[in-house]
Amino acid sequence: MSVTHIAAPPVVLEDRIIQRCSLCGMKLIDMPKPSIQDEKPPDKPWIPGKFISVSEDFQVMMPFTDYIPTDLCYYVVSLNTESLSIGDL
């Protein structure tokens, strides 16, 4: 099963690049900061605001669409917490 997230802006912290979902906070990327000597720049971090589909084995940026994916993390989190009350959070 895949879940779609919305990429937040990446954060560079010392020698790491960290990027999370702007809705649920899931960590999408935690990688070493590339050095100038790297032959090929990495294809990540993701472009902020883009939909990123995440499954167990891979992550892929979704093409532009006019609809919100049904597996958006917001919906997955909302469905799992519908029975919670404010005191549970």
PDB file of N, CA and C in Angstrom:
ATOM      1  N   MET A   1       0.835  -1.184   0.000  1.00  0.00           N
ATOM      2  CA  MET A   1       0.000   0.000   0.000  1.00  0.00           C
ATOM      3  C   MET A   1       0.878   1.246   0.000  1.00  0.00           C
ATOM      4  N   SER A   2       0.496   2.205  -0.805  1.00  0.00           N
ATOM      5  CA  SER A   2       1.254   3.456  -0.834  1.00  0.00           C
ATOM      6  C   SER A   2       0.447   4.550  -0.137  1.00  0.00           C
ATOM      7  N   VAL A   3       1.167   5.545   0.336  1.00  0.00           N
ATOM      8  CA  VAL A   3       0.561   6.732   0.936  1.00  0.00           C
ATOM      9  C   VAL A   3       1.209   7.931   0.255  1.00  0.00           C
ATOM     10  N   THR A   4       0.399   8.915  -0.097  1.00  0.00           N
ATOM     11  CA  THR A   4       0.916  10.111  -0.760  1.00  0.00           C
ATOM     12  C   THR A   4       1.092  11.232   0.256  1.00  0.00           C
ATOM     13  N   HIS A   5       2.245  11.889   0.179  1.00  0.00           N
ATOM     14  CA  HIS A   5       2.584  12.986   1.081  1.00  0.00           C
ATOM     15  C   HIS A   5       2.832  14.245   0.261  1.00  0.00           C
ATOM     16  N   ILE A   6       2.881  15.385   0.922  1.00  0.00           N
ATOM     17  CA  ILE A   6       3.217  16.650   0.269  1.00  0.00           C
ATOM     18  C   ILE A   6       4.564  17.101   0.815  1.00  0.00           C
ATOM     19  N   ALA A   7       5.528  17.245  -0.076  1.00  0.00           N
ATOM     20  CA  ALA A   7       6.887  17.588   0.340  1.00  0.00           C
ATOM     21  C   ALA A   7       6.956  19.000   0.911  1.00  0.00           C
ATOM     22  N   ALA A   8       7.539  19.113   2.096  1.00  0.00           N
ATOM     23  CA  ALA A   8       7.838  20.417   2.700  1.00  0.00           C
ATOM     24  C   ALA A   8       9.226  20.847   2.217  1.00  0.00           C
ATOM     25  N   PRO A   9       9.603  22.089   2.418  1.00  0.00           N
ATOM     26  CA  PRO A   9      10.964  22.497   2.044  1.00  0.00           C
ATOM     27  C   PRO A   9      12.005  21.686   2.818  1.00  0.00           C
ATOM     28  N   PRO A  10      13.100  21.311   2.152  1.00  0.00           N
ATOM     29  CA  PRO A  10      14.150  20.560   2.850  1.00  0.00           C
ATOM     30  C   PRO A  10      14.904  21.453   3.832  1.00  0.00           C
ATOM     31  N   VAL A  11      15.451  20.812   4.848  1.00  0.00           N
ATOM     32  CA  VAL A  11      16.252  21.511   5.851  1.00  0.00           C
ATOM     33  C   VAL A  11      17.664  20.940   5.791  1.00  0.00           C
ATOM     34  N   VAL A  12      18.650  21.823   5.711  1.00  0.00           N
ATOM     35  CA  VAL A  12      20.052  21.397   5.743  1.00  0.00           C
ATOM     36  C   VAL A  12      20.549  21.629   7.156  1.00  0.00           C
ATOM     37  N   LEU A  13      20.980  20.559   7.798  1.00  0.00           N
ATOM     38  CA  LEU A  13      21.443  20.626   9.177  1.00  0.00           C
ATOM     39  C   LEU A  13      22.820  19.992   9.234  1.00  0.00           C
ATOM     40  N   GLU A  14      23.824  20.835   9.373  1.00  0.00           N
ATOM     41  CA  GLU A  14      25.223  20.420   9.354  1.00  0.00           C
ATOM     42  C   GLU A  14      25.502  19.637   8.073  1.00  0.00           C
ATOM     43  N   ASP A  15      25.712  18.333   8.160  1.00  0.00           N
ATOM     44  CA  ASP A  15      26.067  17.554   6.969  1.00  0.00           C
ATOM     45  C   ASP A  15      24.912  16.694   6.459  1.00  0.00           C
ATOM     46  N   ARG A  16      23.661  17.017   6.840  1.00  0.00           N
ATOM     47  CA  ARG A  16      22.500  16.215   6.449  1.00  0.00           C
ATOM     48  C   ARG A  16      21.456  17.081   5.763  1.00  0.00           C
ATOM     49  N   ILE A  17      20.673  16.441   4.897  1.00  0.00           N
ATOM     50  CA  ILE A  17      19.492  17.058   4.302  1.00  0.00           C
ATOM     51  C   ILE A  17      18.301  16.256   4.792  1.00  0.00           C
ATOM     52  N   ILE A  18      17.352  16.943   5.417  1.00  0.00           N
ATOM     53  CA  ILE A  18      16.157  16.283   5.960  1.00  0.00           C
ATOM     54  C   ILE A  18      14.938  16.945   5.336  1.00  0.00           C
ATOM     55  N   GLN A  19      14.006  16.124   4.883  1.00  0.00           N
ATOM     56  CA  GLN A  19      12.773  16.645   4.299  1.00  0.00           C
ATOM     57  C   GLN A  19      11.606  15.837   4.835  1.00  0.00           C
ATOM     58  N   ARG A  20      10.562  16.529   5.229  1.00  0.00           N
ATOM     59  CA  ARG A  20       9.384  15.891   5.814  1.00  0.00           C
ATOM     60  C   ARG A  20       8.144  16.215   4.997  1.00  0.00           C
ATOM     61  N   CYS A  21       7.062  15.540   5.330  1.00  0.00           N
ATOM     62  CA  CYS A  21       5.757  15.835   4.746  1.00  0.00           C
ATOM     63  C   CYS A  21       5.203  17.065   5.440  1.00  0.00           C
ATOM     64  N   SER A  22       4.652  17.988   4.662  1.00  0.00           N
ATOM     65  CA  SER A  22       4.119  19.216   5.258  1.00  0.00           C
ATOM     66  C   SER A  22       2.792  19.000   5.979  1.00  0.00           C
ATOM     67  N   LEU A  23       2.134  17.864   5.749  1.00  0.00           N
ATOM     68  CA  LEU A  23       0.863  17.597   6.425  1.00  0.00           C
ATOM     69  C   LEU A  23       1.031  16.773   7.697  1.00  0.00           C
ATOM     70  N   CYS A  24       1.693  15.627   7.572  1.00  0.00           N
ATOM     71  CA  CYS A  24       1.755  14.709   8.717  1.00  0.00           C
ATOM     72  C   CYS A  24       3.116  14.683   9.407  1.00  0.00           C
ATOM     73  N   GLY A  25       4.139  15.258   8.781  1.00  0.00           N
ATOM     74  CA  GLY A  25       5.462  15.302   9.393  1.00  0.00           C
ATOM     75  C   GLY A  25       6.330  14.080   9.167  1.00  0.00           C
ATOM     76  N   MET A  26       5.853  13.099   8.386  1.00  0.00           N
ATOM     77  CA  MET A  26       6.672  11.904   8.139  1.00  0.00           C
ATOM     78  C   MET A  26       7.971  12.297   7.439  1.00  0.00           C
ATOM     79  N   LYS A  27       9.063  11.684   7.848  1.00  0.00           N
ATOM     80  CA  LYS A  27      10.359  11.970   7.249  1.00  0.00           C
ATOM     81  C   LYS A  27      10.429  11.294   5.878  1.00  0.00           C
ATOM     82  N   LEU A  28      10.593  12.102   4.840  1.00  0.00           N
ATOM     83  CA  LEU A  28      10.709  11.582   3.483  1.00  0.00           C
ATOM     84  C   LEU A  28      12.163  11.339   3.113  1.00  0.00           C
ATOM     85  N   ILE A  29      13.034  12.227   3.562  1.00  0.00           N
ATOM     86  CA  ILE A  29      14.455  12.140   3.209  1.00  0.00           C
ATOM     87  C   ILE A  29      15.299  12.459   4.437  1.00  0.00           C
ATOM     88  N   ASP A  30      16.336  11.680   4.627  1.00  0.00           N
ATOM     89  CA  ASP A  30      17.379  11.968   5.613  1.00  0.00           C
ATOM     90  C   ASP A  30      18.652  11.425   5.001  1.00  0.00           C
ATOM     91  N   MET A  31      19.394  12.304   4.343  1.00  0.00           N
ATOM     92  CA  MET A  31      20.557  11.854   3.574  1.00  0.00           C
ATOM     93  C   MET A  31      21.743  12.778   3.815  1.00  0.00           C
ATOM     94  N   PRO A  32      22.936  12.270   3.536  1.00  0.00           N
ATOM     95  CA  PRO A  32      24.111  13.146   3.659  1.00  0.00           C
ATOM     96  C   PRO A  32      24.037  14.273   2.633  1.00  0.00           C
ATOM     97  N   LYS A  33      24.516  15.428   3.040  1.00  0.00           N
ATOM     98  CA  LYS A  33      24.573  16.563   2.124  1.00  0.00           C
ATOM     99  C   LYS A  33      25.598  16.246   1.041  1.00  0.00           C
ATOM    100  N   PRO A  34      25.236  16.378  -0.251  1.00  0.00           N
ATOM    101  CA  PRO A  34      26.197  16.054  -1.308  1.00  0.00           C
ATOM    102  C   PRO A  34      27.370  17.027  -1.287  1.00  0.00           C
ATOM    103  N   SER A  35      28.516  16.517  -1.630  1.00  0.00           N
ATOM    104  CA  SER A  35      29.702  17.377  -1.667  1.00  0.00           C
ATOM    105  C   SER A  35      29.916  17.876  -3.092  1.00  0.00           C
ATOM    106  N   ILE A  36      30.754  18.871  -3.232  1.00  0.00           N
ATOM    107  CA  ILE A  36      31.056  19.434  -4.546  1.00  0.00           C
ATOM    108  C   ILE A  36      31.724  18.386  -5.433  1.00  0.00           C
ATOM    109  N   GLN A  37      32.414  17.436  -4.835  1.00  0.00           N
ATOM    110  CA  GLN A  37      33.128  16.420  -5.598  1.00  0.00           C
ATOM    111  C   GLN A  37      32.212  15.321  -6.148  1.00  0.00           C
ATOM    112  N   ASP A  38      30.954  15.275  -5.723  1.00  0.00           N
ATOM    113  CA  ASP A  38      30.047  14.242  -6.222  1.00  0.00           C
ATOM    114  C   ASP A  38      29.912  14.354  -7.729  1.00  0.00           C
ATOM    115  N   GLU A  39      30.027  13.200  -8.399  1.00  0.00           N
ATOM    116  CA  GLU A  39      29.948  13.180  -9.851  1.00  0.00           C
ATOM    117  C   GLU A  39      28.548  13.557 -10.340  1.00  0.00           C
ATOM    118  N   LYS A  40      27.541  12.993  -9.709  1.00  0.00           N
ATOM    119  CA  LYS A  40      26.160  13.221 -10.136  1.00  0.00           C
ATOM    120  C   LYS A  40      25.368  13.744  -8.949  1.00  0.00           C
ATOM    121  N   PRO A  41      24.702  14.881  -9.111  1.00  0.00           N
ATOM    122  CA  PRO A  41      23.896  15.377  -7.985  1.00  0.00           C
ATOM    123  C   PRO A  41      22.717  14.439  -7.731  1.00  0.00           C
ATOM    124  N   PRO A  42      22.290  14.313  -6.488  1.00  0.00           N
ATOM    125  CA  PRO A  42      21.162  13.433  -6.182  1.00  0.00           C
ATOM    126  C   PRO A  42      19.867  13.977  -6.773  1.00  0.00           C
ATOM    127  N   ASP A  43      18.909  13.080  -7.044  1.00  0.00           N
ATOM    128  CA  ASP A  43      17.623  13.517  -7.589  1.00  0.00           C
ATOM    129  C   ASP A  43      16.673  13.964  -6.489  1.00  0.00           C
ATOM    130  N   LYS A  44      17.163  13.995  -5.268  1.00  0.00           N
ATOM    131  CA  LYS A  44      16.369  14.453  -4.141  1.00  0.00           C
ATOM    132  C   LYS A  44      17.150  15.572  -3.480  1.00  0.00           C
ATOM    133  N   PRO A  45      16.616  16.461  -2.737  1.00  0.00           N
ATOM    134  CA  PRO A  45      15.295  16.456  -2.136  1.00  0.00           C
ATOM    135  C   PRO A  45      14.199  16.750  -3.163  1.00  0.00           C
ATOM    136  N   TRP A  46      12.976  16.464  -2.730  1.00  0.00           N
ATOM    137  CA  TRP A  46      11.810  16.668  -3.573  1.00  0.00           C
ATOM    138  C   TRP A  46      11.485  18.145  -3.680  1.00  0.00           C
ATOM    139  N   ILE A  47      10.784  18.509  -4.740  1.00  0.00           N
ATOM    140  CA  ILE A  47      10.332  19.890  -4.922  1.00  0.00           C
ATOM    141  C   ILE A  47       9.216  20.167  -3.913  1.00  0.00           C
ATOM    142  N   PRO A  48       9.371  21.195  -3.070  1.00  0.00           N
ATOM    143  CA  PRO A  48       8.330  21.494  -2.072  1.00  0.00           C
ATOM    144  C   PRO A  48       6.961  21.704  -2.728  1.00  0.00           C
ATOM    145  N   GLY A  49       5.936  21.147  -2.087  1.00  0.00           N
ATOM    146  CA  GLY A  49       4.577  21.283  -2.577  1.00  0.00           C
ATOM    147  C   GLY A  49       4.125  20.171  -3.498  1.00  0.00           C
ATOM    148  N   LYS A  50       5.046  19.324  -3.939  1.00  0.00           N
ATOM    149  CA  LYS A  50       4.700  18.230  -4.848  1.00  0.00           C
ATOM    150  C   LYS A  50       4.197  17.024  -4.070  1.00  0.00           C
ATOM    151  N   PHE A  51       3.314  16.258  -4.710  1.00  0.00           N
ATOM    152  CA  PHE A  51       2.848  14.998  -4.138  1.00  0.00           C
ATOM    153  C   PHE A  51       3.941  13.952  -4.299  1.00  0.00           C
ATOM    154  N   ILE A  52       4.265  13.247  -3.200  1.00  0.00           N
ATOM    155  CA  ILE A  52       5.261  12.182  -3.215  1.00  0.00           C
ATOM    156  C   ILE A  52       4.566  10.903  -2.775  1.00  0.00           C
ATOM    157  N   SER A  53       4.539   9.905  -3.660  1.00  0.00           N
ATOM    158  CA  SER A  53       3.941   8.614  -3.332  1.00  0.00           C
ATOM    159  C   SER A  53       5.006   7.738  -2.691  1.00  0.00           C
ATOM    160  N   VAL A  54       4.709   7.231  -1.489  1.00  0.00           N
ATOM    161  CA  VAL A  54       5.673   6.451  -0.727  1.00  0.00           C
ATOM    162  C   VAL A  54       5.105   5.053  -0.486  1.00  0.00           C
ATOM    163  N   SER A  55       5.880   4.043  -0.861  1.00  0.00           N
ATOM    164  CA  SER A  55       5.537   2.658  -0.520  1.00  0.00           C
ATOM    165  C   SER A  55       6.713   2.084   0.241  1.00  0.00           C
ATOM    166  N   GLU A  56       6.657   0.811   0.555  1.00  0.00           N
ATOM    167  CA  GLU A  56       7.749   0.191   1.325  1.00  0.00           C
ATOM    168  C   GLU A  56       9.074   0.262   0.587  1.00  0.00           C
ATOM    169  N   ASP A  57       9.057   0.123  -0.728  1.00  0.00           N
ATOM    170  CA  ASP A  57      10.287  -0.019  -1.495  1.00  0.00           C
ATOM    171  C   ASP A  57      10.789   1.239  -2.193  1.00  0.00           C
ATOM    172  N   PHE A  58       9.911   2.222  -2.398  1.00  0.00           N
ATOM    173  CA  PHE A  58      10.353   3.379  -3.169  1.00  0.00           C
ATOM    174  C   PHE A  58       9.508   4.609  -2.884  1.00  0.00           C
ATOM    175  N   GLN A  59      10.021   5.739  -3.370  1.00  0.00           N
ATOM    176  CA  GLN A  59       9.300   7.009  -3.348  1.00  0.00           C
ATOM    177  C   GLN A  59       9.339   7.565  -4.762  1.00  0.00           C
ATOM    178  N   VAL A  60       8.242   8.167  -5.189  1.00  0.00           N
ATOM    179  CA  VAL A  60       8.207   8.753  -6.526  1.00  0.00           C
ATOM    180  C   VAL A  60       7.364  10.023  -6.494  1.00  0.00           C
ATOM    181  N   MET A  61       7.834  11.054  -7.235  1.00  0.00           N
ATOM    182  CA  MET A  61       7.068  12.286  -7.323  1.00  0.00           C
ATOM    183  C   MET A  61       5.934  12.070  -8.327  1.00  0.00           C
ATOM    184  N   MET A  62       4.739  12.435  -7.916  1.00  0.00           N
ATOM    185  CA  MET A  62       3.564  12.236  -8.758  1.00  0.00           C
ATOM    186  C   MET A  62       3.461  13.362  -9.783  1.00  0.00           C
ATOM    187  N   PRO A  63       2.956  13.046 -10.975  1.00  0.00           N
ATOM    188  CA  PRO A  63       2.749  14.107 -11.964  1.00  0.00           C
ATOM    189  C   PRO A  63       1.622  15.033 -11.517  1.00  0.00           C
ATOM    190  N   PHE A  64       1.598  16.236 -12.051  1.00  0.00           N
ATOM    191  CA  PHE A  64       0.564  17.206 -11.688  1.00  0.00           C
ATOM    192  C   PHE A  64      -0.812  16.669 -12.041  1.00  0.00           C
ATOM    193  N   THR A  65      -1.759  16.844 -11.141  1.00  0.00           N
ATOM    194  CA  THR A  65      -3.151  16.468 -11.393  1.00  0.00           C
ATOM    195  C   THR A  65      -4.064  17.546 -10.827  1.00  0.00           C
ATOM    196  N   ASP A  66      -5.303  17.518 -11.234  1.00  0.00           N
ATOM    197  CA  ASP A  66      -6.294  18.472 -10.722  1.00  0.00           C
ATOM    198  C   ASP A  66      -7.048  17.913  -9.523  1.00  0.00           C
ATOM    199  N   TYR A  67      -6.656  16.756  -9.042  1.00  0.00           N
ATOM    200  CA  TYR A  67      -7.369  16.142  -7.923  1.00  0.00           C
ATOM    201  C   TYR A  67      -6.406  15.804  -6.789  1.00  0.00           C
ATOM    202  N   ILE A  68      -6.958  15.656  -5.610  1.00  0.00           N
ATOM    203  CA  ILE A  68      -6.174  15.258  -4.449  1.00  0.00           C
ATOM    204  C   ILE A  68      -6.194  13.725  -4.389  1.00  0.00           C
ATOM    205  N   PRO A  69      -5.035  13.078  -4.264  1.00  0.00           N
ATOM    206  CA  PRO A  69      -5.002  11.615  -4.220  1.00  0.00           C
ATOM    207  C   PRO A  69      -5.827  11.062  -3.053  1.00  0.00           C
ATOM    208  N   THR A  70      -6.502   9.950  -3.293  1.00  0.00           N
ATOM    209  CA  THR A  70      -7.330   9.343  -2.249  1.00  0.00           C
ATOM    210  C   THR A  70      -6.492   8.723  -1.135  1.00  0.00           C
ATOM    211  N   ASP A  71      -5.209   8.470  -1.415  1.00  0.00           N
ATOM    212  CA  ASP A  71      -4.342   7.904  -0.375  1.00  0.00           C
ATOM    213  C   ASP A  71      -3.471   8.975   0.284  1.00  0.00           C
ATOM    214  N   LEU A  72      -3.905  10.237   0.216  1.00  0.00           N
ATOM    215  CA  LEU A  72      -3.167  11.330   0.844  1.00  0.00           C
ATOM    216  C   LEU A  72      -3.059  11.075   2.346  1.00  0.00           C
ATOM    217  N   CYS A  73      -1.892  11.315   2.909  1.00  0.00           N
ATOM    218  CA  CYS A  73      -1.644  11.009   4.321  1.00  0.00           C
ATOM    219  C   CYS A  73      -2.661  11.664   5.238  1.00  0.00           C
ATOM    220  N   TYR A  74      -3.150  12.837   4.876  1.00  0.00           N
ATOM    221  CA  TYR A  74      -4.143  13.531   5.706  1.00  0.00           C
ATOM    222  C   TYR A  74      -5.379  12.653   5.880  1.00  0.00           C
ATOM    223  N   TYR A  75      -5.832  12.038   4.777  1.00  0.00           N
ATOM    224  CA  TYR A  75      -7.012  11.180   4.844  1.00  0.00           C
ATOM    225  C   TYR A  75      -6.725   9.918   5.639  1.00  0.00           C
ATOM    226  N   VAL A  76      -5.532   9.349   5.447  1.00  0.00           N
ATOM    227  CA  VAL A  76      -5.154   8.127   6.176  1.00  0.00           C
ATOM    228  C   VAL A  76      -5.103   8.416   7.672  1.00  0.00           C
ATOM    229  N   VAL A  77      -4.476   9.524   8.067  1.00  0.00           N
ATOM    230  CA  VAL A  77      -4.395   9.903   9.475  1.00  0.00           C
ATOM    231  C   VAL A  77      -5.781  10.228  10.018  1.00  0.00           C
ATOM    232  N   SER A  78      -6.600  10.940   9.253  1.00  0.00           N
ATOM    233  CA  SER A  78      -7.952  11.301   9.692  1.00  0.00           C
ATOM    234  C   SER A  78      -8.802  10.063   9.930  1.00  0.00           C
ATOM    235  N   LEU A  79      -8.711   9.096   9.029  1.00  0.00           N
ATOM    236  CA  LEU A  79      -9.505   7.870   9.182  1.00  0.00           C
ATOM    237  C   LEU A  79      -9.086   7.086  10.415  1.00  0.00           C
ATOM    238  N   ASN A  80      -7.793   7.106  10.712  1.00  0.00           N
ATOM    239  CA  ASN A  80      -7.287   6.348  11.857  1.00  0.00           C
ATOM    240  C   ASN A  80      -7.560   7.052  13.184  1.00  0.00           C
ATOM    241  N   THR A  81      -7.918   8.323  13.148  1.00  0.00           N
ATOM    242  CA  THR A  81      -8.111   9.064  14.399  1.00  0.00           C
ATOM    243  C   THR A  81      -9.548   9.551  14.576  1.00  0.00           C
ATOM    244  N   GLU A  82     -10.469   9.115  13.720  1.00  0.00           N
ATOM    245  CA  GLU A  82     -11.856   9.588  13.825  1.00  0.00           C
ATOM    246  C   GLU A  82     -12.476   9.280  15.180  1.00  0.00           C
ATOM    247  N   SER A  83     -12.080   8.162  15.779  1.00  0.00           N
ATOM    248  CA  SER A  83     -12.698   7.773  17.038  1.00  0.00           C
ATOM    249  C   SER A  83     -12.000   8.407  18.245  1.00  0.00           C
ATOM    250  N   LEU A  84     -10.938   9.172  18.016  1.00  0.00           N
ATOM    251  CA  LEU A  84     -10.241   9.810  19.127  1.00  0.00           C
ATOM    252  C   LEU A  84     -10.941  11.090  19.560  1.00  0.00           C
ATOM    253  N   SER A  85     -10.847  11.395  20.821  1.00  0.00           N
ATOM    254  CA  SER A  85     -11.355  12.675  21.290  1.00  0.00           C
ATOM    255  C   SER A  85     -10.167  13.609  21.537  1.00  0.00           C
ATOM    256  N   ILE A  86     -10.445  14.862  21.785  1.00  0.00           N
ATOM    257  CA  ILE A  86      -9.368  15.838  22.027  1.00  0.00           C
ATOM    258  C   ILE A  86      -8.485  15.391  23.198  1.00  0.00           C
ATOM    259  N   GLY A  87      -9.053  14.783  24.196  1.00  0.00           N
ATOM    260  CA  GLY A  87      -8.276  14.326  25.344  1.00  0.00           C
ATOM    261  C   GLY A  87      -7.288  13.221  25.002  1.00  0.00           C
ATOM    262  N   ASP A  88      -7.531  12.505  23.895  1.00  0.00           N
ATOM    263  CA  ASP A  88      -6.644  11.420  23.478  1.00  0.00           C
ATOM    264  C   ASP A  88      -5.398  11.938  22.764  1.00  0.00           C
ATOM    265  N   LEU A  89      -5.465  13.178  22.252  1.00  0.00           N
ATOM    266  CA  LEU A  89      -4.362  13.685  21.439  1.00  0.00           C
ATOM    267  C   LEU A  89      -3.254  14.272  22.250  1.00  0.00           C
TER     268      LEU A  89
END
